[in-house]
Amino acid sequence: MIRTLTLRPAATLTAILALSLALTACAREPGTAEVTIESDDAMQFNLTEFHVRSGQTVRLTLEHVGELSLEQMGHNVVILKADENPDTFGQRAASEGNRENQWLPEEMRDRVIAFTDMIGGGETTTIEFTAPEPGQYPYLCTFPGHYGVMQGTMVVN
């Protein structure tokens, strides 16, 4: 037995408009971007670039997969504002920072989008922040001597 379904034009139009509104609402509510960056005892990030959408909540997890302690091989992720130079920022953080301020002096924190705690081998830390306007935002580790090789870019679309 074959059944034929006949839709009235008004009902079809209503369904299409409802679907269109639902898709538009989803586009305005970008959800949460889950980003995990691993660091290790060889002073490396496993990600040197990640992409998020402007206005999106970003849940950034830093996992130190090495074994060395915080004092020997601490790592963090500091996402800088777009106009910041990571080398200049890293040099200043290393010279003015200390263990107590996690190698990120308080007076420099207004120049960053977000930052994780400094962690040692086997530790994990997670932060949440809202992605800024579209652009490219450098990130680095501010532990002394690490900023030169532990850098990346957050690309915001």
N, C-alpha and C. Protein backbone atom coordinates (compact mmCIF):
# COMPACT_ATOMS: atom_id res chain seq x y z
N MET A 1 0.84 -1.17 0.00
CA MET A 1 0.00 0.00 0.00
C MET A 1 0.89 1.24 0.00
N ILE A 2 0.63 2.15 -0.88
CA ILE A 2 1.37 3.39 -0.99
C ILE A 2 0.51 4.51 -0.46
N ARG A 3 1.11 5.30 0.43
CA ARG A 3 0.39 6.46 0.95
C ARG A 3 1.04 7.73 0.41
N THR A 4 0.27 8.67 0.12
CA THR A 4 0.76 9.95 -0.37
C THR A 4 0.52 10.99 0.71
N LEU A 5 1.57 11.74 1.02
CA LEU A 5 1.47 12.81 2.01
C LEU A 5 1.41 14.12 1.25
N THR A 6 0.40 14.86 1.51
CA THR A 6 0.24 16.14 0.84
C THR A 6 0.37 17.24 1.90
N LEU A 7 1.32 18.14 1.69
CA LEU A 7 1.48 19.28 2.59
C LEU A 7 0.88 20.51 1.97
N ARG A 8 0.20 21.24 2.78
CA ARG A 8 -0.33 22.50 2.30
C ARG A 8 0.82 23.48 2.18
N PRO A 9 0.81 24.37 1.20
CA PRO A 9 1.90 25.32 1.03
C PRO A 9 2.16 26.16 2.29
N ALA A 10 1.15 26.56 3.00
CA ALA A 10 1.33 27.37 4.21
C ALA A 10 2.06 26.56 5.29
N ALA A 11 1.72 25.29 5.44
CA ALA A 11 2.38 24.43 6.44
C ALA A 11 3.85 24.22 6.08
N THR A 12 4.12 24.02 4.79
CA THR A 12 5.50 23.83 4.34
C THR A 12 6.32 25.08 4.60
N LEU A 13 5.77 26.24 4.28
CA LEU A 13 6.45 27.50 4.50
C LEU A 13 6.71 27.72 5.99
N THR A 14 5.76 27.41 6.82
CA THR A 14 5.92 27.55 8.27
C THR A 14 7.05 26.65 8.77
N ALA A 15 7.11 25.41 8.29
CA ALA A 15 8.16 24.48 8.70
C ALA A 15 9.53 24.98 8.27
N ILE A 16 9.61 25.50 7.06
CA ILE A 16 10.89 26.02 6.56
C ILE A 16 11.34 27.23 7.38
N LEU A 17 10.42 28.13 7.69
CA LEU A 17 10.76 29.30 8.49
C LEU A 17 11.20 28.90 9.90
N ALA A 18 10.53 27.93 10.50
CA ALA A 18 10.91 27.47 11.84
C ALA A 18 12.31 26.87 11.82
N LEU A 19 12.62 26.07 10.82
CA LEU A 19 13.95 25.48 10.71
C LEU A 19 15.00 26.57 10.50
N SER A 20 14.70 27.54 9.68
CA SER A 20 15.62 28.63 9.41
C SER A 20 15.92 29.42 10.69
N LEU A 21 14.89 29.71 11.47
CA LEU A 21 15.08 30.43 12.74
C LEU A 21 15.92 29.62 13.72
N ALA A 22 15.69 28.32 13.77
CA ALA A 22 16.46 27.45 14.66
C ALA A 22 17.93 27.44 14.27
N LEU A 23 18.21 27.35 12.97
CA LEU A 23 19.60 27.35 12.51
C LEU A 23 20.27 28.69 12.77
N THR A 24 19.55 29.79 12.61
CA THR A 24 20.09 31.11 12.90
C THR A 24 20.42 31.24 14.38
N ALA A 25 19.56 30.75 15.24
CA ALA A 25 19.81 30.80 16.69
C ALA A 25 21.05 30.00 17.04
N CYS A 26 21.23 28.85 16.41
CA CYS A 26 22.42 28.03 16.67
C CYS A 26 23.68 28.77 16.26
N ALA A 27 23.62 29.50 15.14
CA ALA A 27 24.79 30.23 14.66
C ALA A 27 25.16 31.35 15.63
N ARG A 28 24.17 31.92 16.32
CA ARG A 28 24.44 32.99 17.27
C ARG A 28 24.91 32.46 18.62
N GLU A 29 24.68 31.20 18.89
CA GLU A 29 25.08 30.58 20.14
C GLU A 29 26.15 29.53 19.82
N PRO A 30 27.42 29.99 19.76
CA PRO A 30 28.45 29.12 19.24
C PRO A 30 28.84 27.94 20.13
N GLY A 31 28.38 27.88 21.35
CA GLY A 31 28.76 26.75 22.21
C GLY A 31 30.16 26.91 22.77
N THR A 32 30.65 25.85 23.37
CA THR A 32 31.95 25.87 24.01
C THR A 32 32.99 25.14 23.17
N ALA A 33 34.12 25.79 22.97
CA ALA A 33 35.25 25.15 22.28
C ALA A 33 36.11 24.49 23.34
N GLU A 34 36.34 23.20 23.19
CA GLU A 34 37.20 22.44 24.11
C GLU A 34 38.58 22.33 23.47
N VAL A 35 39.58 22.93 24.11
CA VAL A 35 40.94 22.92 23.58
C VAL A 35 41.85 22.33 24.65
N THR A 36 42.66 21.34 24.27
CA THR A 36 43.64 20.76 25.18
C THR A 36 45.02 20.93 24.57
N ILE A 37 45.91 21.52 25.34
CA ILE A 37 47.31 21.69 24.93
C ILE A 37 48.16 20.87 25.88
N GLU A 38 49.02 20.05 25.32
CA GLU A 38 49.96 19.27 26.14
C GLU A 38 51.32 19.96 26.12
N SER A 39 51.98 19.92 27.27
CA SER A 39 53.36 20.39 27.38
C SER A 39 54.18 19.25 27.95
N ASP A 40 55.50 19.33 27.78
CA ASP A 40 56.32 18.20 28.22
C ASP A 40 57.66 18.66 28.79
N ASP A 41 58.50 17.69 29.13
CA ASP A 41 59.81 18.01 29.71
C ASP A 41 60.81 18.50 28.66
N ALA A 42 60.46 18.44 27.39
CA ALA A 42 61.33 18.92 26.31
C ALA A 42 60.95 20.34 25.88
N MET A 43 60.19 21.03 26.71
CA MET A 43 59.75 22.41 26.44
C MET A 43 59.02 22.53 25.11
N GLN A 44 57.97 21.73 24.94
CA GLN A 44 57.19 21.74 23.72
C GLN A 44 55.70 21.81 24.04
N PHE A 45 54.95 22.56 23.22
CA PHE A 45 53.50 22.46 23.18
C PHE A 45 53.17 21.52 22.03
N ASN A 46 52.16 20.67 22.20
CA ASN A 46 51.77 19.80 21.09
C ASN A 46 50.92 20.56 20.06
N LEU A 47 50.34 21.70 20.44
CA LEU A 47 49.58 22.54 19.51
C LEU A 47 50.28 23.89 19.38
N THR A 48 50.52 24.29 18.16
CA THR A 48 51.07 25.63 17.95
C THR A 48 50.03 26.55 17.31
N GLU A 49 48.81 26.02 17.13
CA GLU A 49 47.71 26.84 16.63
C GLU A 49 46.39 26.15 16.93
N PHE A 50 45.41 26.94 17.34
CA PHE A 50 44.05 26.43 17.46
C PHE A 50 43.08 27.52 17.05
N HIS A 51 41.88 27.09 16.62
CA HIS A 51 40.88 28.00 16.08
C HIS A 51 39.62 27.99 16.94
N VAL A 52 39.06 29.18 17.18
CA VAL A 52 37.80 29.35 17.89
C VAL A 52 37.02 30.46 17.21
N ARG A 53 35.76 30.62 17.61
CA ARG A 53 34.93 31.68 17.04
C ARG A 53 34.78 32.82 18.04
N SER A 54 34.73 34.02 17.53
CA SER A 54 34.54 35.20 18.36
C SER A 54 33.26 35.06 19.18
N GLY A 55 33.34 35.36 20.46
CA GLY A 55 32.19 35.27 21.36
C GLY A 55 31.98 33.90 21.95
N GLN A 56 32.72 32.92 21.47
CA GLN A 56 32.57 31.54 21.93
C GLN A 56 33.25 31.37 23.29
N THR A 57 32.64 30.56 24.15
CA THR A 57 33.30 30.18 25.40
C THR A 57 34.39 29.17 25.05
N VAL A 58 35.59 29.42 25.56
CA VAL A 58 36.72 28.53 25.31
C VAL A 58 37.09 27.88 26.64
N ARG A 59 37.11 26.56 26.66
CA ARG A 59 37.58 25.82 27.83
C ARG A 59 38.94 25.24 27.45
N LEU A 60 39.98 25.88 27.97
CA LEU A 60 41.36 25.51 27.63
C LEU A 60 41.96 24.69 28.77
N THR A 61 42.43 23.50 28.43
CA THR A 61 43.07 22.62 29.40
C THR A 61 44.54 22.49 29.03
N LEU A 62 45.41 22.70 30.01
CA LEU A 62 46.84 22.46 29.84
C LEU A 62 47.19 21.20 30.61
N GLU A 63 47.77 20.23 29.92
CA GLU A 63 48.22 18.99 30.54
C GLU A 63 49.74 18.92 30.43
N HIS A 64 50.41 18.85 31.56
CA HIS A 64 51.86 18.69 31.57
C HIS A 64 52.12 17.18 31.58
N VAL A 65 52.47 16.62 30.42
CA VAL A 65 52.64 15.17 30.30
C VAL A 65 54.05 14.71 30.69
N GLY A 66 54.89 15.65 31.11
CA GLY A 66 56.24 15.29 31.55
C GLY A 66 56.25 14.84 33.00
N GLU A 67 57.46 14.65 33.52
CA GLU A 67 57.63 14.17 34.89
C GLU A 67 58.33 15.17 35.80
N LEU A 68 59.00 16.16 35.22
CA LEU A 68 59.76 17.10 36.05
C LEU A 68 58.84 18.02 36.83
N SER A 69 59.31 18.44 37.99
CA SER A 69 58.49 19.24 38.92
C SER A 69 58.25 20.65 38.40
N LEU A 70 57.34 21.33 39.06
CA LEU A 70 57.03 22.73 38.77
C LEU A 70 58.28 23.59 38.85
N GLU A 71 59.12 23.36 39.85
CA GLU A 71 60.33 24.17 40.04
C GLU A 71 61.35 23.94 38.91
N GLN A 72 61.40 22.72 38.39
CA GLN A 72 62.37 22.40 37.34
C GLN A 72 61.85 22.69 35.94
N MET A 73 60.58 22.39 35.68
CA MET A 73 60.04 22.47 34.32
C MET A 73 58.57 22.86 34.34
N GLY A 74 58.29 24.00 34.98
CA GLY A 74 56.91 24.48 35.04
C GLY A 74 56.45 25.00 33.69
N HIS A 75 55.14 24.87 33.44
CA HIS A 75 54.56 25.38 32.19
C HIS A 75 53.22 26.04 32.48
N ASN A 76 52.91 27.03 31.67
CA ASN A 76 51.59 27.65 31.66
C ASN A 76 51.26 28.02 30.22
N VAL A 77 50.07 28.49 29.99
CA VAL A 77 49.68 29.05 28.70
C VAL A 77 49.15 30.45 28.99
N VAL A 78 49.78 31.44 28.36
CA VAL A 78 49.37 32.83 28.49
C VAL A 78 49.00 33.32 27.10
N ILE A 79 47.72 33.66 26.91
CA ILE A 79 47.25 34.15 25.62
C ILE A 79 47.29 35.67 25.65
N LEU A 80 48.10 36.24 24.77
CA LEU A 80 48.32 37.68 24.75
C LEU A 80 47.29 38.40 23.88
N LYS A 81 47.14 39.67 24.13
CA LYS A 81 46.33 40.50 23.24
C LYS A 81 47.03 40.55 21.88
N ALA A 82 46.27 40.83 20.84
CA ALA A 82 46.75 40.73 19.46
C ALA A 82 47.98 41.60 19.19
N ASP A 83 48.08 42.75 19.83
CA ASP A 83 49.19 43.66 19.53
C ASP A 83 50.44 43.42 20.38
N GLU A 84 50.44 42.40 21.20
CA GLU A 84 51.60 42.09 22.06
C GLU A 84 52.62 41.25 21.31
N ASN A 85 53.89 41.55 21.52
CA ASN A 85 54.98 40.77 20.95
C ASN A 85 55.34 39.67 21.96
N PRO A 86 55.22 38.40 21.58
CA PRO A 86 55.48 37.33 22.55
C PRO A 86 56.92 37.29 23.07
N ASP A 87 57.89 37.64 22.23
CA ASP A 87 59.28 37.62 22.69
C ASP A 87 59.54 38.71 23.73
N THR A 88 59.07 39.91 23.45
CA THR A 88 59.22 41.02 24.40
C THR A 88 58.48 40.72 25.70
N PHE A 89 57.26 40.21 25.57
CA PHE A 89 56.45 39.87 26.75
C PHE A 89 57.15 38.78 27.56
N GLY A 90 57.63 37.74 26.90
CA GLY A 90 58.30 36.64 27.59
C GLY A 90 59.56 37.06 28.32
N GLN A 91 60.34 37.94 27.69
CA GLN A 91 61.56 38.44 28.33
C GLN A 91 61.21 39.21 29.61
N ARG A 92 60.22 40.06 29.51
CA ARG A 92 59.83 40.86 30.67
C ARG A 92 59.26 39.98 31.78
N ALA A 93 58.42 39.02 31.41
CA ALA A 93 57.85 38.13 32.42
C ALA A 93 58.95 37.34 33.14
N ALA A 94 59.95 36.90 32.40
CA ALA A 94 61.04 36.13 33.00
C ALA A 94 61.90 37.00 33.92
N SER A 95 62.11 38.25 33.55
CA SER A 95 62.97 39.11 34.37
C SER A 95 62.24 39.71 35.58
N GLU A 96 60.92 39.94 35.45
CA GLU A 96 60.17 40.56 36.55
C GLU A 96 59.31 39.57 37.33
N GLY A 97 59.14 38.38 36.77
CA GLY A 97 58.30 37.38 37.44
C GLY A 97 59.06 36.59 38.49
N ASN A 98 58.32 35.77 39.23
CA ASN A 98 58.91 34.90 40.23
C ASN A 98 57.94 33.75 40.51
N ARG A 99 58.38 32.84 41.36
CA ARG A 99 57.54 31.68 41.67
C ARG A 99 56.19 32.09 42.27
N GLU A 100 56.21 33.11 43.11
CA GLU A 100 54.98 33.53 43.79
C GLU A 100 53.92 34.04 42.82
N ASN A 101 54.34 34.78 41.77
CA ASN A 101 53.34 35.28 40.81
C ASN A 101 53.25 34.41 39.55
N GLN A 102 53.80 33.19 39.64
CA GLN A 102 53.74 32.20 38.57
C GLN A 102 54.36 32.71 37.26
N TRP A 103 55.42 33.52 37.40
CA TRP A 103 56.15 34.07 36.26
C TRP A 103 55.25 34.90 35.35
N LEU A 104 54.26 35.54 35.97
CA LEU A 104 53.38 36.46 35.25
C LEU A 104 53.05 37.62 36.20
N PRO A 105 53.91 38.64 36.22
CA PRO A 105 53.71 39.75 37.16
C PRO A 105 52.33 40.38 37.03
N GLU A 106 51.77 40.74 38.16
CA GLU A 106 50.43 41.33 38.23
C GLU A 106 50.28 42.52 37.27
N GLU A 107 51.29 43.36 37.17
CA GLU A 107 51.19 44.55 36.31
C GLU A 107 51.20 44.23 34.82
N MET A 108 51.45 42.97 34.46
CA MET A 108 51.43 42.57 33.04
C MET A 108 50.12 41.88 32.67
N ARG A 109 49.31 41.56 33.63
CA ARG A 109 48.12 40.74 33.36
C ARG A 109 47.03 41.46 32.57
N ASP A 110 47.06 42.77 32.53
CA ASP A 110 46.09 43.50 31.71
C ASP A 110 46.43 43.43 30.22
N ARG A 111 47.56 42.83 29.89
CA ARG A 111 48.00 42.69 28.50
C ARG A 111 47.70 41.30 27.94
N VAL A 112 46.91 40.51 28.70
CA VAL A 112 46.60 39.15 28.27
C VAL A 112 45.09 38.95 28.15
N ILE A 113 44.72 37.97 27.33
CA ILE A 113 43.32 37.57 27.18
C ILE A 113 42.96 36.61 28.31
N ALA A 114 43.84 35.63 28.54
CA ALA A 114 43.61 34.61 29.57
C ALA A 114 44.94 33.92 29.87
N PHE A 115 45.00 33.24 31.03
CA PHE A 115 46.21 32.50 31.37
C PHE A 115 45.87 31.37 32.33
N THR A 116 46.64 30.29 32.22
CA THR A 116 46.48 29.16 33.13
C THR A 116 47.43 29.32 34.30
N ASP A 117 47.23 28.50 35.31
CA ASP A 117 48.21 28.39 36.39
C ASP A 117 49.48 27.74 35.84
N MET A 118 50.58 27.95 36.53
CA MET A 118 51.84 27.28 36.23
C MET A 118 51.75 25.89 36.87
N ILE A 119 52.05 24.84 36.08
CA ILE A 119 51.94 23.47 36.59
C ILE A 119 53.22 22.69 36.30
N GLY A 120 53.40 21.61 37.06
CA GLY A 120 54.54 20.72 36.87
C GLY A 120 54.11 19.40 36.27
N GLY A 121 55.08 18.51 36.10
CA GLY A 121 54.85 17.21 35.48
C GLY A 121 53.70 16.44 36.11
N GLY A 122 52.84 15.86 35.26
CA GLY A 122 51.71 15.08 35.72
C GLY A 122 50.50 15.89 36.14
N GLU A 123 50.58 17.21 36.09
CA GLU A 123 49.46 18.05 36.52
C GLU A 123 48.66 18.57 35.33
N THR A 124 47.44 18.99 35.62
CA THR A 124 46.51 19.53 34.63
C THR A 124 45.82 20.74 35.22
N THR A 125 45.55 21.74 34.40
CA THR A 125 44.79 22.90 34.82
C THR A 125 43.87 23.33 33.68
N THR A 126 42.70 23.86 34.03
CA THR A 126 41.70 24.27 33.04
C THR A 126 41.20 25.66 33.36
N ILE A 127 41.02 26.46 32.31
CA ILE A 127 40.44 27.80 32.44
C ILE A 127 39.32 27.94 31.42
N GLU A 128 38.44 28.91 31.65
CA GLU A 128 37.40 29.26 30.68
C GLU A 128 37.45 30.76 30.45
N PHE A 129 37.26 31.15 29.20
CA PHE A 129 37.21 32.57 28.85
C PHE A 129 36.39 32.72 27.58
N THR A 130 36.03 33.94 27.24
CA THR A 130 35.28 34.22 26.03
C THR A 130 36.24 34.67 24.95
N ALA A 131 36.17 34.04 23.78
CA ALA A 131 37.04 34.40 22.68
C ALA A 131 36.79 35.85 22.26
N PRO A 132 37.86 36.61 22.07
CA PRO A 132 37.72 38.02 21.69
C PRO A 132 37.32 38.18 20.22
N GLU A 133 37.41 39.40 19.73
CA GLU A 133 37.07 39.70 18.34
C GLU A 133 38.01 38.95 17.39
N PRO A 134 37.58 38.76 16.14
CA PRO A 134 38.42 38.03 15.19
C PRO A 134 39.83 38.60 15.09
N GLY A 135 40.78 37.69 14.96
CA GLY A 135 42.19 38.07 14.85
C GLY A 135 43.09 36.93 15.26
N GLN A 136 44.38 37.22 15.32
CA GLN A 136 45.36 36.23 15.74
C GLN A 136 45.99 36.69 17.05
N TYR A 137 45.99 35.78 18.02
CA TYR A 137 46.44 36.08 19.37
C TYR A 137 47.57 35.11 19.74
N PRO A 138 48.78 35.63 19.98
CA PRO A 138 49.88 34.74 20.33
C PRO A 138 49.72 34.18 21.74
N TYR A 139 50.23 32.97 21.95
CA TYR A 139 50.30 32.43 23.31
C TYR A 139 51.68 31.85 23.54
N LEU A 140 52.06 31.77 24.82
CA LEU A 140 53.39 31.33 25.19
C LEU A 140 53.41 30.80 26.61
N CYS A 141 54.50 30.17 26.96
CA CYS A 141 54.78 29.78 28.34
C CYS A 141 55.73 30.82 28.91
N THR A 142 55.44 31.33 30.11
CA THR A 142 56.27 32.39 30.68
C THR A 142 57.32 31.88 31.68
N PHE A 143 57.44 30.56 31.87
CA PHE A 143 58.51 30.05 32.73
C PHE A 143 59.83 30.51 32.13
N PRO A 144 60.79 30.97 32.94
CA PRO A 144 62.04 31.52 32.41
C PRO A 144 62.70 30.60 31.38
N GLY A 145 63.00 31.19 30.22
CA GLY A 145 63.69 30.48 29.16
C GLY A 145 62.78 29.69 28.22
N HIS A 146 61.50 29.61 28.52
CA HIS A 146 60.60 28.78 27.71
C HIS A 146 59.93 29.54 26.56
N TYR A 147 59.73 30.85 26.72
CA TYR A 147 58.94 31.60 25.75
C TYR A 147 59.50 31.55 24.33
N GLY A 148 60.79 31.35 24.19
CA GLY A 148 61.41 31.33 22.86
C GLY A 148 60.97 30.15 22.00
N VAL A 149 60.66 29.01 22.64
CA VAL A 149 60.27 27.82 21.88
C VAL A 149 58.84 27.39 22.16
N MET A 150 58.27 27.83 23.25
CA MET A 150 56.90 27.43 23.60
C MET A 150 55.94 28.56 23.26
N GLN A 151 55.61 28.64 21.96
CA GLN A 151 54.71 29.68 21.47
C GLN A 151 53.70 29.06 20.51
N GLY A 152 52.60 29.76 20.33
CA GLY A 152 51.59 29.36 19.38
C GLY A 152 50.67 30.51 19.08
N THR A 153 49.59 30.23 18.35
CA THR A 153 48.64 31.26 17.95
C THR A 153 47.22 30.74 18.13
N MET A 154 46.39 31.55 18.79
CA MET A 154 44.95 31.31 18.84
C MET A 154 44.36 32.14 17.71
N VAL A 155 43.72 31.49 16.77
CA VAL A 155 43.09 32.17 15.65
C VAL A 155 41.59 32.27 15.94
N VAL A 156 41.09 33.49 15.97
CA VAL A 156 39.68 33.73 16.24
C VAL A 156 39.00 34.16 14.95
N ASN A 157 37.98 33.42 14.56
CA ASN A 157 37.23 33.74 13.33
C ASN A 157 35.93 34.42 13.70
